[in-house]
Amino acid sequence: MIEVPKTEPPECTPITVIKDRDFPGLYQSADAASLLAQNVYFVLQKIHLASLLIGAIIAAFTTLIAEQFAPQFYAAIAIILVVGVIVMLVSRSRRDDKVWFDCRAIAESTKTAAWRFMMRAAPFADDSDAKQLFVSELQEIREARPFSLKDLATNIDPNAQSISNVMNDVRSKSLDERRSLYIEARLRDQKKWYSSKATFNSSTESCWFWWTTGLQTLAVVLAIVEAVSGGFQVNVVPILLTCAAAAVAWSQMKRHSELAQTYSLAAQELGDQESIAEDITEEKNFLSLVDQVEETISREHTMWCARRDTVLKLNKRETRDG
């Protein structure tokens, strides 16, 4: 009799990270649409500010141009400024900023719902209707912002699932496995992200502040020198002031100071929640932790959207609780 060697069943590789492709297709399409709209919006703003700066530079040097070439220089200034106006009108009509904000809100709301589903948190605790409730939640998230439906459709992946195999796999794991994954892949990951963004925005805001201060100070010094000496052939003061104004406008669009404060606060709150996460051993305490973490992340994002005049619609769970 020939003995067949026994083989051990292959061990399942533990999930240690959740990738973007593991989230619902709605998240992926909203994330792509948001990034595209953000890039287009800032490109148009750069062109507009550049047109003002280039126009100021050319205007400053017209005094050095021979009289017969002056009409061409003034025509160039007019063309550049017209381009800036057209770009500004195009930006206003496209409303890429609204698409950016709306799609980012959809993406983050979808991610929060997905983590609640995977962790068996309310309202997805009961297996009998969890999937149906989750799909309904995604539909509400999508329909709450009809302005961006066209952009979502443009970036949608027809093969993406609403509930991925990874999401189902995580949901079926034990409490210890879900807790470990959530702490590492969600809580600590978000705390690290907010902390790094807070540091980046703080240093960037400081950099723009000193650049603006330096340009304005240099303009004041040159203005005094020109007053004393009777003026130069080229008046660079308007150029410096235009550069300073462009720097202020760009910094305000980026909102580095506000983001540094809110991101820092979010990182601190997540750090507080992390300090008690490892000691949790009961399901109800773990679900309470998930609620607190997701509330912290959702609150920060709600404030982010509110600062940009984006009207947020309460999701299904918040409406029930209210």
Protein backbone atom coordinates (compact mmCIF):
# COMPACT_ATOMS: atom_id res chain seq x y z
CA MET A 1 0.00 0.00 0.00
CA ILE A 2 1.44 3.30 -1.05
CA GLU A 3 1.10 6.07 1.46
CA VAL A 4 0.20 9.44 0.09
CA PRO A 5 2.16 12.13 1.92
CA LYS A 6 -0.02 14.47 3.86
CA THR A 7 0.13 18.10 2.85
CA GLU A 8 -0.71 20.93 5.13
CA PRO A 9 -3.32 23.39 3.83
CA PRO A 10 -1.75 26.64 2.69
CA GLU A 11 -1.79 29.33 5.30
CA CYS A 12 -3.77 32.44 4.51
CA THR A 13 -1.65 35.51 4.22
CA PRO A 14 -2.83 37.97 6.85
CA ILE A 15 -4.09 41.31 5.54
CA THR A 16 -1.91 44.10 6.88
CA VAL A 17 -2.89 46.93 4.58
CA ILE A 18 -5.97 47.97 2.62
CA LYS A 19 -5.13 49.36 -0.81
CA ASP A 20 -7.22 51.77 -2.83
CA ARG A 21 -8.30 49.03 -5.21
CA ASP A 22 -9.78 47.13 -2.25
CA PHE A 23 -12.33 49.88 -1.58
CA PRO A 24 -15.61 50.21 -3.51
CA GLY A 25 -15.50 51.36 -7.10
CA LEU A 26 -17.25 54.57 -6.05
CA TYR A 27 -14.23 55.52 -3.96
CA GLN A 28 -11.83 54.90 -6.83
CA SER A 29 -13.85 56.90 -9.38
CA ALA A 30 -14.46 59.78 -6.92
CA ASP A 31 -10.79 59.86 -5.94
CA ALA A 32 -9.67 59.98 -9.59
CA ALA A 33 -12.22 62.67 -10.46
CA SER A 34 -11.23 64.75 -7.45
CA LEU A 35 -7.51 64.62 -8.25
CA LEU A 36 -8.12 65.51 -11.90
CA ALA A 37 -10.36 68.46 -11.04
CA GLN A 38 -7.87 69.68 -8.43
CA ASN A 39 -5.00 69.60 -10.92
CA VAL A 40 -7.02 71.42 -13.60
CA TYR A 41 -8.18 74.04 -11.10
CA PHE A 42 -4.67 74.89 -9.94
CA VAL A 43 -3.26 74.88 -13.48
CA LEU A 44 -5.83 77.48 -14.50
CA GLN A 45 -5.08 79.56 -11.40
CA LYS A 46 -1.36 79.44 -12.15
CA ILE A 47 -1.97 80.62 -15.72
CA HIS A 48 -4.12 83.49 -14.47
CA LEU A 49 -1.55 84.65 -11.89
CA ALA A 50 1.28 84.21 -14.40
CA SER A 51 -0.52 86.44 -16.92
CA LEU A 52 -0.71 89.24 -14.34
CA LEU A 53 2.96 88.86 -13.43
CA ILE A 54 4.20 88.70 -17.03
CA GLY A 55 2.05 91.69 -17.96
CA ALA A 56 3.56 93.71 -15.09
CA ILE A 57 7.12 92.75 -16.10
CA ILE A 58 6.62 93.74 -19.75
CA ALA A 59 4.93 96.99 -18.74
CA ALA A 60 7.89 97.89 -16.51
CA PHE A 61 10.34 97.60 -19.41
CA THR A 62 8.33 99.55 -21.98
CA THR A 63 10.25 102.71 -21.01
CA LEU A 64 13.42 101.14 -22.44
CA ILE A 65 11.83 100.25 -25.75
CA ALA A 66 12.27 102.38 -28.82
CA GLU A 67 9.21 104.40 -29.71
CA GLN A 68 8.57 102.51 -32.94
CA PHE A 69 8.35 99.20 -31.04
CA ALA A 70 6.13 100.50 -28.22
CA PRO A 71 2.83 99.55 -29.93
CA GLN A 72 3.97 95.92 -30.24
CA PHE A 73 4.86 95.78 -26.55
CA TYR A 74 1.54 97.26 -25.49
CA ALA A 75 -0.24 94.81 -27.80
CA ALA A 76 1.66 91.96 -26.13
CA ILE A 77 0.58 93.21 -22.71
CA ALA A 78 -3.04 93.39 -23.88
CA ILE A 79 -2.91 89.86 -25.32
CA ILE A 80 -1.43 88.43 -22.13
CA LEU A 81 -4.01 90.13 -19.94
CA VAL A 82 -6.83 88.98 -22.24
CA VAL A 83 -5.54 85.41 -21.92
CA GLY A 84 -5.65 85.83 -18.13
CA VAL A 85 -9.24 87.07 -18.25
CA ILE A 86 -10.30 84.22 -20.56
CA VAL A 87 -8.67 81.65 -18.26
CA MET A 88 -10.42 83.20 -15.26
CA LEU A 89 -13.80 82.98 -17.04
CA VAL A 90 -13.12 79.39 -18.13
CA SER A 91 -12.25 78.46 -14.55
CA ARG A 92 -15.45 80.02 -13.28
CA SER A 93 -17.60 78.25 -15.86
CA ARG A 94 -15.95 74.85 -15.36
CA ARG A 95 -16.18 74.99 -11.55
CA ASP A 96 -13.39 72.47 -11.10
CA ASP A 97 -13.13 73.53 -7.47
CA LYS A 98 -16.67 72.31 -6.77
CA VAL A 99 -16.01 69.02 -8.57
CA TRP A 100 -12.80 68.67 -6.54
CA PHE A 101 -14.57 69.28 -3.21
CA ASP A 102 -17.66 67.20 -4.00
CA CYS A 103 -15.75 64.20 -5.32
CA ARG A 104 -13.35 64.31 -2.38
CA ALA A 105 -16.34 64.33 -0.02
CA ILE A 106 -17.79 61.33 -1.88
CA ALA A 107 -14.47 59.47 -1.73
CA GLU A 108 -13.94 60.06 2.00
CA SER A 109 -17.56 59.23 2.88
CA THR A 110 -17.25 56.01 0.91
CA LYS A 111 -14.02 55.08 2.66
CA THR A 112 -15.58 55.72 6.08
CA ALA A 113 -18.57 53.53 5.18
CA ALA A 114 -16.23 50.79 3.93
CA TRP A 115 -14.25 50.74 7.17
CA ARG A 116 -17.46 50.59 9.20
CA PHE A 117 -18.63 47.69 7.07
CA MET A 118 -15.35 45.79 7.45
CA MET A 119 -15.25 46.35 11.20
CA ARG A 120 -18.93 45.36 11.68
CA ALA A 121 -19.74 48.79 13.08
CA ALA A 122 -23.21 50.37 12.97
CA PRO A 123 -25.23 50.33 10.85
CA PHE A 124 -23.55 47.24 9.32
CA ALA A 125 -23.35 45.01 12.40
CA ASP A 126 -25.98 42.47 11.33
CA ASP A 127 -24.81 40.09 8.59
CA SER A 128 -28.36 39.52 7.36
CA ASP A 129 -28.72 42.99 5.83
CA ALA A 130 -25.21 44.49 6.06
CA LYS A 131 -24.49 44.23 2.33
CA GLN A 132 -27.84 45.65 1.32
CA LEU A 133 -27.45 48.55 3.75
CA PHE A 134 -23.93 49.22 2.51
CA VAL A 135 -24.98 49.35 -1.14
CA SER A 136 -27.83 51.69 -0.18
CA GLU A 137 -25.35 53.86 1.70
CA LEU A 138 -23.16 54.14 -1.39
CA GLN A 139 -26.17 55.12 -3.46
CA GLU A 140 -27.09 57.88 -0.99
CA ILE A 141 -23.52 59.17 -0.93
CA ARG A 142 -23.48 59.33 -4.72
CA GLU A 143 -26.91 60.93 -5.12
CA ALA A 144 -26.24 63.55 -2.44
CA ARG A 145 -23.96 65.40 -4.87
CA PRO A 146 -25.60 65.24 -8.32
CA PHE A 147 -23.34 68.02 -9.63
CA SER A 148 -20.43 65.55 -9.86
CA LEU A 149 -22.24 62.54 -11.34
CA LYS A 150 -20.87 63.26 -14.81
CA ASP A 151 -17.30 63.38 -13.53
CA LEU A 152 -17.83 60.16 -11.56
CA ALA A 153 -19.14 58.43 -14.68
CA THR A 154 -16.13 59.59 -16.68
CA ASN A 155 -13.69 58.05 -14.21
CA ILE A 156 -15.61 54.91 -13.25
CA ASP A 157 -14.11 51.46 -13.65
CA PRO A 158 -16.84 49.11 -14.95
CA ASN A 159 -15.05 46.12 -13.40
CA ALA A 160 -14.81 47.60 -9.90
CA GLN A 161 -16.97 46.05 -7.18
CA SER A 162 -19.08 47.77 -4.57
CA ILE A 163 -17.95 45.22 -1.98
CA SER A 164 -14.55 43.74 -2.74
CA ASN A 165 -13.32 40.30 -1.73
CA VAL A 166 -10.87 41.93 0.65
CA MET A 167 -13.69 43.79 2.40
CA ASN A 168 -15.63 40.54 2.86
CA ASP A 169 -12.50 38.77 4.04
CA VAL A 170 -11.72 41.44 6.65
CA ARG A 171 -15.31 41.42 7.88
CA SER A 172 -15.16 37.66 8.49
CA LYS A 173 -12.04 37.85 10.65
CA SER A 174 -11.90 37.60 14.41
CA LEU A 175 -12.07 40.58 16.72
CA ASP A 176 -8.31 40.54 17.37
CA GLU A 177 -7.52 40.43 13.66
CA ARG A 178 -9.94 43.22 12.83
CA ARG A 179 -8.69 45.33 15.71
CA SER A 180 -5.03 44.91 14.71
CA LEU A 181 -5.80 45.76 11.10
CA TYR A 182 -7.90 48.78 12.01
CA ILE A 183 -5.32 50.19 14.40
CA GLU A 184 -2.49 49.82 11.90
CA ALA A 185 -4.15 50.44 8.53
CA ARG A 186 -6.68 53.07 9.56
CA LEU A 187 -5.95 54.72 12.91
CA ARG A 188 -2.16 54.95 12.73
CA ASP A 189 -2.15 55.50 8.98
CA GLN A 190 -4.50 58.48 9.30
CA LYS A 191 -2.64 59.86 12.32
CA LYS A 192 0.62 59.71 10.36
CA TRP A 193 -1.02 61.35 7.32
CA TYR A 194 -2.54 64.22 9.33
CA SER A 195 0.69 64.75 11.25
CA SER A 196 2.83 64.93 8.11
CA LYS A 197 0.34 67.23 6.36
CA ALA A 198 0.20 69.51 9.40
CA THR A 199 3.99 69.82 9.38
CA PHE A 200 4.08 70.39 5.62
CA ASN A 201 1.37 73.06 5.64
CA SER A 202 2.92 74.84 8.61
CA SER A 203 6.36 75.05 6.99
CA THR A 204 4.86 76.00 3.61
CA GLU A 205 2.74 78.76 5.14
CA SER A 206 5.83 80.13 6.89
CA CYS A 207 7.78 80.02 3.62
CA TRP A 208 5.11 81.94 1.70
CA PHE A 209 4.81 84.47 4.53
CA TRP A 210 8.51 85.32 4.47
CA TRP A 211 8.59 85.44 0.66
CA THR A 212 5.67 87.90 0.68
CA THR A 213 7.23 89.96 3.48
CA GLY A 214 10.57 90.01 1.68
CA LEU A 215 9.05 91.16 -1.61
CA GLN A 216 7.06 93.92 0.06
CA THR A 217 10.09 95.05 2.08
CA LEU A 218 12.25 95.15 -1.04
CA ALA A 219 9.54 97.16 -2.84
CA VAL A 220 9.50 99.69 0.02
CA VAL A 221 13.30 100.01 -0.05
CA LEU A 222 13.39 100.51 -3.82
CA ALA A 223 10.55 103.02 -3.64
CA ILE A 224 12.53 105.06 -1.09
CA VAL A 225 15.68 104.86 -3.20
CA GLU A 226 13.76 105.99 -6.27
CA ALA A 227 12.25 108.89 -4.33
CA VAL A 228 15.68 110.00 -3.19
CA SER A 229 17.49 109.49 -6.51
CA GLY A 230 14.75 110.74 -8.77
CA GLY A 231 13.73 107.38 -10.16
CA PHE A 232 15.22 104.63 -12.34
CA GLN A 233 14.70 103.90 -15.99
CA VAL A 234 12.88 100.72 -15.04
CA ASN A 235 10.40 100.86 -12.17
CA VAL A 236 10.52 97.39 -10.59
CA VAL A 237 8.32 98.31 -7.64
CA PRO A 238 5.08 97.33 -9.46
CA ILE A 239 6.67 94.00 -10.42
CA LEU A 240 7.56 93.25 -6.80
CA LEU A 241 4.11 94.23 -5.59
CA THR A 242 2.48 92.03 -8.25
CA CYS A 243 4.68 89.12 -7.16
CA ALA A 244 3.72 89.71 -3.53
CA ALA A 245 0.02 89.89 -4.43
CA ALA A 246 0.30 86.66 -6.45
CA ALA A 247 2.05 84.94 -3.52
CA VAL A 248 -0.71 86.04 -1.13
CA ALA A 249 -3.43 84.88 -3.54
CA TRP A 250 -1.77 81.48 -4.00
CA SER A 251 -1.28 81.00 -0.28
CA GLN A 252 -4.92 81.85 0.38
CA MET A 253 -6.07 79.36 -2.25
CA LYS A 254 -4.00 76.65 -0.60
CA ARG A 255 -5.11 77.67 2.96
CA HIS A 256 -1.89 76.39 4.51
CA SER A 257 -2.42 78.09 7.87
CA GLU A 258 -5.93 76.70 8.40
CA LEU A 259 -4.97 73.22 7.24
CA ALA A 260 -1.93 73.16 9.53
CA GLN A 261 -4.14 73.85 12.55
CA THR A 262 -6.98 71.46 11.71
CA TYR A 263 -4.66 68.64 10.63
CA SER A 264 -2.63 69.03 13.81
CA LEU A 265 -5.77 68.83 15.94
CA ALA A 266 -6.97 65.73 14.09
CA ALA A 267 -3.58 64.05 14.56
CA GLN A 268 -3.68 64.79 18.28
CA GLU A 269 -7.19 63.34 18.66
CA LEU A 270 -6.23 60.21 16.74
CA GLY A 271 -3.14 59.91 18.93
CA ASP A 272 -5.36 59.98 22.02
CA GLN A 273 -7.52 57.23 20.57
CA GLU A 274 -4.46 55.18 19.63
CA SER A 275 -3.26 55.22 23.24
CA ILE A 276 -6.28 53.19 24.37
CA ALA A 277 -6.75 51.05 21.26
CA GLU A 278 -4.30 48.29 22.19
CA ASP A 279 -6.04 47.63 25.52
CA ILE A 280 -9.44 46.97 23.97
CA THR A 281 -10.54 43.34 24.28
CA GLU A 282 -14.32 43.50 23.99
CA GLU A 283 -16.35 43.87 20.80
CA LYS A 284 -18.52 46.72 22.07
CA ASN A 285 -15.49 48.76 23.16
CA PHE A 286 -13.83 48.18 19.82
CA LEU A 287 -16.93 49.32 17.92
CA SER A 288 -17.02 52.41 20.14
CA LEU A 289 -13.40 53.10 19.16
CA VAL A 290 -14.30 52.76 15.46
CA ASP A 291 -17.12 55.27 15.95
CA GLN A 292 -14.78 57.75 17.64
CA VAL A 293 -12.04 57.44 15.01
CA GLU A 294 -14.42 57.73 12.07
CA GLU A 295 -16.15 60.68 13.73
CA THR A 296 -12.79 62.44 14.13
CA ILE A 297 -11.90 61.87 10.49
CA SER A 298 -15.38 62.81 9.25
CA ARG A 299 -15.46 65.97 11.38
CA GLU A 300 -12.13 67.16 10.02
CA HIS A 301 -13.25 66.53 6.47
CA THR A 302 -16.60 68.23 7.09
CA MET A 303 -14.72 71.31 8.31
CA TRP A 304 -12.45 71.12 5.25
CA CYS A 305 -15.46 71.19 2.94
CA ALA A 306 -17.28 73.84 4.98
CA ARG A 307 -14.33 76.22 4.64
CA ARG A 308 -14.78 75.93 0.89
CA ASP A 309 -18.51 76.70 0.98
CA THR A 310 -19.46 73.12 0.16
CA VAL A 311 -22.86 72.14 1.54
CA LEU A 312 -22.64 68.67 3.03
CA LYS A 313 -25.58 66.36 3.33
CA LEU A 314 -25.75 64.19 6.44
CA ASN A 315 -25.25 60.56 5.66
CA LYS A 316 -27.77 57.92 6.49
CA ARG A 317 -26.28 56.98 9.82
CA GLU A 318 -26.01 60.57 11.08
CA THR A 319 -29.64 61.17 10.11
CA ARG A 320 -30.74 58.18 12.17
CA ASP A 321 -28.74 59.24 15.21
CA GLY A 322 -30.09 62.76 15.02
